[in-house]
Amino acid sequence: MCCEPLSLEADLDAKLKNARGLRQAILRHAFTGQLVPQDPNDEPASELLKRIAAEREARGAPLSRRCRTAS
């Protein structure tokens, strides 16, 4: 036999583990701003979120479903 089932299973397990590690690395880089070059002229995310919240409040837009309290 050229490929035994145990060998295929071990190979698949190793590849799945590697894929999980790559996914975590990509997410880590994305959330720390290291995935793409950053523009120093962009406003910080915290300021953007404050501005969005102020604009929503100014126009009377309701909070998203996640932020609403139960009535």
Protein backbone atom coordinates (compact mmCIF):
# COMPACT_ATOMS: atom_id res chain seq x y z
CA MET A 1 0.00 0.00 0.00
CA CYS A 2 1.21 3.45 -0.80
CA CYS A 3 -0.72 5.36 1.88
CA GLU A 4 -1.99 3.83 5.09
CA PRO A 5 -5.17 5.22 6.70
CA LEU A 6 -3.32 6.10 9.92
CA SER A 7 -0.75 8.06 7.98
CA LEU A 8 -3.48 9.97 6.13
CA GLU A 9 -5.30 10.68 9.38
CA ALA A 10 -2.14 11.95 11.06
CA ASP A 11 -1.35 14.11 8.02
CA LEU A 12 -4.88 15.56 8.05
CA ASP A 13 -4.67 16.28 11.79
CA ALA A 14 -1.34 18.07 11.31
CA LYS A 15 -2.72 20.16 8.45
CA LEU A 16 -5.83 21.12 10.44
CA LYS A 17 -3.68 22.15 13.41
CA ASN A 18 -1.51 24.25 11.08
CA ALA A 19 -4.60 25.88 9.54
CA ARG A 20 -5.92 26.82 13.01
CA GLY A 21 -2.57 28.36 13.87
CA LEU A 22 -2.51 30.38 10.64
CA ARG A 23 -6.04 31.62 11.25
CA GLN A 24 -5.12 32.77 14.75
CA ALA A 25 -2.00 34.51 13.45
CA ILE A 26 -4.01 36.36 10.79
CA LEU A 27 -6.60 37.47 13.34
CA ARG A 28 -3.90 38.57 15.78
CA HIS A 29 -2.21 40.65 13.08
CA ALA A 30 -5.54 42.13 11.96
CA PHE A 31 -6.56 43.18 15.48
CA THR A 32 -3.16 44.71 16.26
CA GLY A 33 -3.04 46.70 13.02
CA GLN A 34 -0.18 44.68 11.54
CA LEU A 35 -2.04 43.05 8.66
CA VAL A 36 -1.73 46.00 6.28
CA PRO A 37 0.38 49.16 6.34
CA GLN A 38 -1.18 51.81 8.55
CA ASP A 39 -1.78 55.39 7.43
CA PRO A 40 -0.51 57.73 10.15
CA ASN A 41 -3.10 60.30 9.00
CA ASP A 42 -6.01 58.01 9.95
CA GLU A 43 -7.78 58.83 13.18
CA PRO A 44 -7.51 56.24 15.97
CA ALA A 45 -10.35 53.72 16.15
CA SER A 46 -11.37 55.01 19.58
CA GLU A 47 -11.91 58.49 18.14
CA LEU A 48 -13.83 57.11 15.16
CA LEU A 49 -16.14 55.17 17.50
CA LYS A 50 -16.75 58.28 19.61
CA ARG A 51 -17.56 60.30 16.50
CA ILE A 52 -19.97 57.62 15.21
CA ALA A 53 -21.72 57.47 18.60
CA ALA A 54 -22.06 61.27 18.70
CA GLU A 55 -23.47 61.36 15.15
CA ARG A 56 -26.02 58.65 16.00
CA GLU A 57 -27.06 60.44 19.15
CA ALA A 58 -27.38 63.74 17.28
CA ARG A 59 -29.75 62.27 14.73
CA GLY A 60 -31.64 60.23 17.31
CA ALA A 61 -30.72 56.88 15.83
CA PRO A 62 -31.42 53.98 18.18
CA LEU A 63 -28.60 51.92 19.55
CA SER A 64 -27.88 48.61 17.84
CA ARG A 65 -29.70 45.54 19.16
CA ARG A 66 -26.60 44.45 21.05
CA CYS A 67 -26.48 47.65 23.07
CA ARG A 68 -30.19 47.96 23.92
CA THR A 69 -31.42 47.01 27.33
CA ALA A 70 -34.45 44.78 27.71
CA SER A 71 -37.73 46.67 28.20
